[in-house]
Amino acid sequence: MITTDFVPGSPCWLDLGAPDVEAATAFYRAVFGWQAEPHGGQGAGGYTLFRLAGKAVGAVGPLTEDGARSAWTLYFHTSDADASVKAVERAGGSVRVAPAGVGTDDGRFAQLTDPQGAEFAVWEPARYPGVEAADGPGTLVWTELYTTDPAAAQTFYKSVFGWSTQDMPLPGGGGTYTLLTPAGCSEERMHGGLMGVPADLLGPGGKPYWHPVFGCQDCDATVGLATGNGGTLSMGPETAEGVGRLAVCTDPAGAEFVVLTPEGRG
């Protein structure tokens, strides 16, 4: 369960890098009913907050890294961005953007890459803790890593964040899914999972990646909104026992996300 009382290693923010911020904003407004608010006085096309019923649920901004493709970036809470960067480097990861401040006193972030190539970020909050709503329709309810080496990924993230892990078999002999929980927390704070995926099924370059899972009231209807507004459907909708009804979608610029109607909430 993702909450807004963040602890070290828990998901706390997410933003989308897009080649066309205004087009991305229009798409996600149509799919989830988000409102858009330029951040820090920036005009259209700059870093833009997504809000749902007035509460921040994420953001979108222009692509800033050479060769970057449109994708969602997940941020994990840290009390010390510099220490997290050092932990990433010790564990074999790399730093794409060194720790830097945001605004006058919003907080500090760093952009990082794990040893297999999956990109993520950390957020050290000051005035701005992170998302203001989670675990409901139109908000982040889960995080997921597709990786070419699940054992190495577990070792890395345990070293950096201290996550506890729990393996569960996938139906039909489809491999193993590893559940992730922040250090020292009970299973109720479980926030994501990772699974092994062959490189040839990971898209361009076979690069591992994180993607967000957004809650919704009606998975099929939300998929209809996504495809009706220029997105594509990669998988589903299908019902997973004990999880709910879900689908993997891609926005018009190619950023992947999952929509989920949790079991018992539809």
Protein backbone atom coordinates (compact mmCIF):
# COMPACT_ATOMS: atom_id res chain seq x y z
CA MET A 1 0.00 0.00 0.00
CA ILE A 2 1.39 3.38 -0.99
CA THR A 3 0.73 6.13 1.51
CA THR A 4 1.65 9.78 1.93
CA ASP A 5 3.40 9.36 5.28
CA PHE A 6 6.67 8.61 3.57
CA VAL A 7 9.45 6.50 5.07
CA PRO A 8 12.96 5.90 3.68
CA GLY A 9 12.72 3.88 0.48
CA SER A 10 9.00 4.36 -0.06
CA PRO A 11 7.68 5.80 -3.34
CA CYS A 12 7.00 9.50 -2.82
CA TRP A 13 6.82 11.18 -6.22
CA LEU A 14 6.64 10.53 -9.94
CA ASP A 15 6.97 12.60 -13.04
CA LEU A 16 6.78 12.09 -16.77
CA GLY A 17 9.38 13.24 -19.26
CA ALA A 18 7.55 14.09 -22.46
CA PRO A 19 8.55 15.47 -25.87
CA ASP A 20 5.38 17.59 -25.87
CA VAL A 21 4.24 18.62 -22.38
CA GLU A 22 0.97 20.15 -23.54
CA ALA A 23 0.00 17.03 -25.51
CA ALA A 24 0.88 14.78 -22.55
CA THR A 25 -1.12 16.99 -20.22
CA ALA A 26 -4.16 16.76 -22.48
CA PHE A 27 -3.88 12.96 -22.64
CA TYR A 28 -3.67 12.37 -18.88
CA ARG A 29 -6.38 14.91 -18.15
CA ALA A 30 -8.67 12.94 -20.45
CA VAL A 31 -7.75 9.55 -18.98
CA PHE A 32 -7.65 10.32 -15.23
CA GLY A 33 -9.39 13.67 -14.90
CA TRP A 34 -6.24 15.33 -13.59
CA GLN A 35 -5.95 19.09 -13.43
CA ALA A 36 -2.74 20.75 -14.66
CA GLU A 37 -0.90 23.54 -12.86
CA PRO A 38 2.38 25.10 -14.10
CA HIS A 39 4.97 24.81 -11.33
CA GLY A 40 6.90 27.77 -9.99
CA GLY A 41 5.39 30.28 -12.35
CA GLN A 42 6.53 28.41 -15.46
CA GLY A 43 4.37 28.83 -18.51
CA ALA A 44 2.81 26.19 -20.75
CA GLY A 45 5.28 23.52 -21.79
CA GLY A 46 7.36 23.73 -18.61
CA TYR A 47 7.28 21.53 -15.51
CA THR A 48 3.59 21.04 -14.74
CA LEU A 49 1.94 19.52 -11.68
CA PHE A 50 -0.91 17.06 -12.01
CA ARG A 51 -3.62 17.44 -9.39
CA LEU A 52 -6.71 15.40 -8.54
CA ALA A 53 -9.33 17.15 -6.43
CA GLY A 54 -6.67 19.76 -5.65
CA LYS A 55 -4.06 17.26 -4.43
CA ALA A 56 -0.75 16.75 -6.24
CA VAL A 57 -0.49 13.26 -7.78
CA GLY A 58 2.51 13.69 -10.11
CA ALA A 59 3.94 15.95 -12.78
CA VAL A 60 5.10 16.21 -16.38
CA GLY A 61 8.05 18.10 -17.82
CA PRO A 62 10.12 18.30 -20.99
CA LEU A 63 12.77 15.68 -21.70
CA THR A 64 16.10 17.01 -20.45
CA GLU A 65 18.61 14.19 -21.04
CA ASP A 66 20.26 13.51 -24.41
CA GLY A 67 18.71 10.49 -26.09
CA ALA A 68 15.99 10.13 -23.45
CA ARG A 69 12.69 8.57 -24.42
CA SER A 70 9.35 9.49 -22.92
CA ALA A 71 8.89 7.62 -19.65
CA TRP A 72 7.63 7.94 -16.10
CA THR A 73 10.28 8.31 -13.38
CA LEU A 74 9.57 7.00 -9.90
CA TYR A 75 11.13 8.79 -6.91
CA PHE A 76 11.87 7.10 -3.59
CA HIS A 77 12.03 8.97 -0.30
CA THR A 78 15.39 9.60 1.33
CA SER A 79 16.49 11.67 4.29
CA ASP A 80 19.86 12.31 2.62
CA ALA A 81 20.19 12.44 -1.17
CA ASP A 82 23.98 12.54 -1.01
CA ALA A 83 24.11 9.40 1.12
CA SER A 84 21.70 7.64 -1.24
CA VAL A 85 23.89 8.53 -4.22
CA LYS A 86 26.94 7.09 -2.47
CA ALA A 87 24.99 3.91 -1.68
CA VAL A 88 23.97 3.61 -5.34
CA GLU A 89 27.58 3.97 -6.50
CA ARG A 90 28.85 1.45 -3.92
CA ALA A 91 26.25 -1.05 -5.14
CA GLY A 92 27.29 -0.68 -8.79
CA GLY A 93 24.70 1.83 -9.97
CA SER A 94 25.36 5.16 -11.64
CA VAL A 95 24.37 8.81 -11.25
CA ARG A 96 22.71 10.57 -14.18
CA VAL A 97 21.96 13.81 -12.34
CA ALA A 98 23.86 14.65 -9.14
CA PRO A 99 21.93 15.86 -6.08
CA ALA A 100 20.41 19.27 -6.73
CA GLY A 101 17.90 21.54 -5.07
CA VAL A 102 14.45 22.33 -6.44
CA GLY A 103 13.03 25.81 -5.98
CA THR A 104 14.10 27.79 -2.95
CA ASP A 105 13.33 25.10 -0.39
CA ASP A 106 11.16 22.38 -1.99
CA GLY A 107 13.77 19.65 -1.51
CA ARG A 108 16.64 17.89 -3.29
CA PHE A 109 16.65 15.14 -5.88
CA ALA A 110 19.06 12.91 -7.76
CA GLN A 111 18.52 10.88 -10.93
CA LEU A 112 20.02 7.39 -10.80
CA THR A 113 20.38 4.14 -12.74
CA ASP A 114 20.64 0.63 -11.36
CA PRO A 115 23.33 -1.80 -12.63
CA GLN A 116 20.91 -3.40 -15.10
CA GLY A 117 19.95 -0.03 -16.62
CA ALA A 118 16.62 0.81 -14.95
CA GLU A 119 16.29 4.51 -14.15
CA PHE A 120 14.83 5.91 -10.93
CA ALA A 121 15.27 8.88 -8.63
CA VAL A 122 15.42 9.85 -4.97
CA TRP A 123 13.75 12.80 -3.27
CA GLU A 124 14.97 14.44 -0.06
CA PRO A 125 12.04 16.63 1.01
CA ALA A 126 12.14 20.02 2.62
CA ARG A 127 8.98 22.08 2.13
CA TYR A 128 7.48 19.64 -0.36
CA PRO A 129 7.13 16.00 0.88
CA GLY A 130 5.78 14.41 -2.29
CA VAL A 131 2.45 13.24 -3.68
CA GLU A 132 -0.54 14.40 -1.66
CA ALA A 133 -2.86 11.51 -2.57
CA ALA A 134 -2.18 7.83 -3.21
CA ASP A 135 -3.79 4.38 -3.17
CA GLY A 136 -6.99 5.42 -4.88
CA PRO A 137 -8.51 6.03 -8.32
CA GLY A 138 -6.36 8.35 -10.40
CA THR A 139 -3.37 8.05 -8.08
CA LEU A 140 -0.27 5.89 -7.70
CA VAL A 141 -1.16 2.55 -6.12
CA TRP A 142 1.88 0.39 -6.96
CA THR A 143 5.35 0.51 -8.54
CA GLU A 144 6.85 -2.18 -10.73
CA LEU A 145 10.27 -3.01 -12.11
CA TYR A 146 10.82 -5.16 -15.19
CA THR A 147 14.43 -6.31 -15.14
CA THR A 148 16.70 -8.75 -16.94
CA ASP A 149 18.31 -9.93 -13.69
CA PRO A 150 15.87 -10.04 -10.75
CA ALA A 151 18.39 -11.52 -8.32
CA ALA A 152 20.92 -8.75 -8.99
CA ALA A 153 18.17 -6.12 -8.81
CA GLN A 154 17.07 -7.41 -5.41
CA THR A 155 20.63 -7.23 -4.13
CA PHE A 156 21.06 -3.69 -5.44
CA TYR A 157 17.86 -2.19 -4.04
CA LYS A 158 18.26 -3.96 -0.71
CA SER A 159 21.71 -2.40 -0.45
CA VAL A 160 20.48 1.09 -1.36
CA PHE A 161 17.11 1.21 0.42
CA GLY A 162 17.09 -1.79 2.75
CA TRP A 163 13.87 -3.10 1.22
CA SER A 164 12.57 -6.43 2.41
CA THR A 165 11.45 -8.83 -0.32
CA GLN A 166 9.02 -11.70 -0.65
CA ASP A 167 8.92 -14.04 -3.65
CA MET A 168 5.68 -15.42 -5.00
CA PRO A 169 5.17 -17.75 -7.98
CA LEU A 170 3.33 -16.37 -11.00
CA PRO A 171 0.33 -18.37 -12.25
CA GLY A 172 0.92 -21.01 -14.88
CA GLY A 173 4.61 -21.38 -14.17
CA GLY A 174 5.28 -17.87 -15.43
CA GLY A 175 8.22 -17.28 -13.11
CA THR A 176 8.54 -15.38 -9.86
CA TYR A 177 7.22 -12.00 -8.76
CA THR A 178 9.08 -10.31 -5.91
CA LEU A 179 7.12 -8.06 -3.55
CA LEU A 180 8.90 -5.01 -2.12
CA THR A 181 8.41 -3.38 1.29
CA PRO A 182 10.27 -0.44 2.87
CA ALA A 183 12.83 -1.36 5.53
CA GLY A 184 11.33 -2.13 8.93
CA CYS A 185 7.73 -1.85 7.72
CA SER A 186 4.92 -4.41 7.84
CA GLU A 187 3.43 -6.03 4.74
CA GLU A 188 0.67 -3.40 4.77
CA ARG A 189 3.29 -0.91 3.51
CA MET A 190 4.27 -3.13 0.56
CA HIS A 191 4.74 -0.69 -2.32
CA GLY A 192 5.78 -2.58 -5.42
CA GLY A 193 7.20 -5.58 -7.14
CA LEU A 194 9.86 -6.72 -9.56
CA MET A 195 9.99 -9.50 -12.08
CA GLY A 196 12.39 -10.92 -14.58
CA VAL A 197 11.62 -10.18 -18.24
CA PRO A 198 13.79 -11.30 -21.20
CA ALA A 199 15.59 -8.42 -22.89
CA ASP A 200 13.81 -9.04 -26.19
CA LEU A 201 10.47 -8.32 -24.50
CA LEU A 202 11.58 -5.05 -22.91
CA GLY A 203 11.20 -2.83 -25.95
CA PRO A 204 13.91 -0.76 -27.64
CA GLY A 205 17.38 -1.78 -26.50
CA GLY A 206 16.08 -4.40 -24.07
CA LYS A 207 16.52 -1.92 -21.22
CA PRO A 208 14.97 -2.68 -17.78
CA TYR A 209 12.58 -0.05 -16.49
CA TRP A 210 10.22 1.00 -13.70
CA HIS A 211 6.62 1.91 -14.43
CA PRO A 212 3.78 3.27 -12.29
CA VAL A 213 0.46 1.57 -11.60
CA PHE A 214 -2.50 3.95 -11.31
CA GLY A 215 -5.75 3.05 -9.60
CA CYS A 216 -9.07 3.38 -11.39
CA GLN A 217 -12.73 2.66 -10.73
CA ASP A 218 -13.25 0.71 -13.96
CA CYS A 219 -10.21 -0.72 -15.74
CA ASP A 220 -11.98 -1.36 -19.03
CA ALA A 221 -13.47 2.11 -19.16
CA THR A 222 -10.08 3.69 -18.36
CA VAL A 223 -8.45 1.65 -21.13
CA GLY A 224 -11.14 2.98 -23.46
CA LEU A 225 -10.25 6.54 -22.50
CA ALA A 226 -6.54 5.84 -23.05
CA THR A 227 -6.96 4.26 -26.49
CA GLY A 228 -9.61 6.80 -27.47
CA ASN A 229 -7.15 9.62 -26.82
CA GLY A 230 -4.23 8.27 -28.81
CA GLY A 231 -2.75 5.75 -26.38
CA THR A 232 -2.23 2.06 -27.09
CA LEU A 233 -2.99 -1.13 -25.21
CA SER A 234 -0.04 -3.48 -24.61
CA MET A 235 -1.73 -6.10 -22.42
CA GLY A 236 -5.16 -6.83 -21.03
CA PRO A 237 -7.51 -5.90 -19.63
CA GLU A 238 -7.33 -9.09 -17.61
CA THR A 239 -8.29 -10.16 -14.12
CA ALA A 240 -5.50 -11.34 -11.80
CA GLU A 241 -6.72 -13.38 -8.85
CA GLY A 242 -6.05 -11.61 -5.56
CA VAL A 243 -4.99 -8.43 -7.37
CA GLY A 244 -7.80 -7.08 -9.53
CA ARG A 245 -8.44 -6.14 -13.12
CA LEU A 246 -5.49 -4.53 -14.87
CA ALA A 247 -4.09 -3.45 -18.20
CA VAL A 248 -0.74 -2.20 -19.50
CA CYS A 249 -1.07 0.97 -21.59
CA THR A 250 1.25 3.30 -23.47
CA ASP A 251 0.60 7.00 -23.90
CA PRO A 252 0.86 8.65 -27.36
CA ALA A 253 4.56 9.45 -26.82
CA GLY A 254 5.45 5.90 -25.75
CA ALA A 255 5.50 6.13 -21.93
CA GLU A 256 4.18 2.96 -20.30
CA PHE A 257 1.85 2.81 -17.32
CA VAL A 258 -0.56 0.29 -15.79
CA VAL A 259 -4.16 0.84 -14.75
CA LEU A 260 -5.64 -1.30 -12.00
CA THR A 261 -9.03 -1.72 -10.44
CA PRO A 262 -8.05 -3.49 -7.21
CA GLU A 263 -10.01 -6.59 -6.30
CA GLY A 264 -13.10 -5.68 -4.31
CA ARG A 265 -13.02 -2.01 -5.34
CA GLY A 266 -14.57 -2.13 -8.77
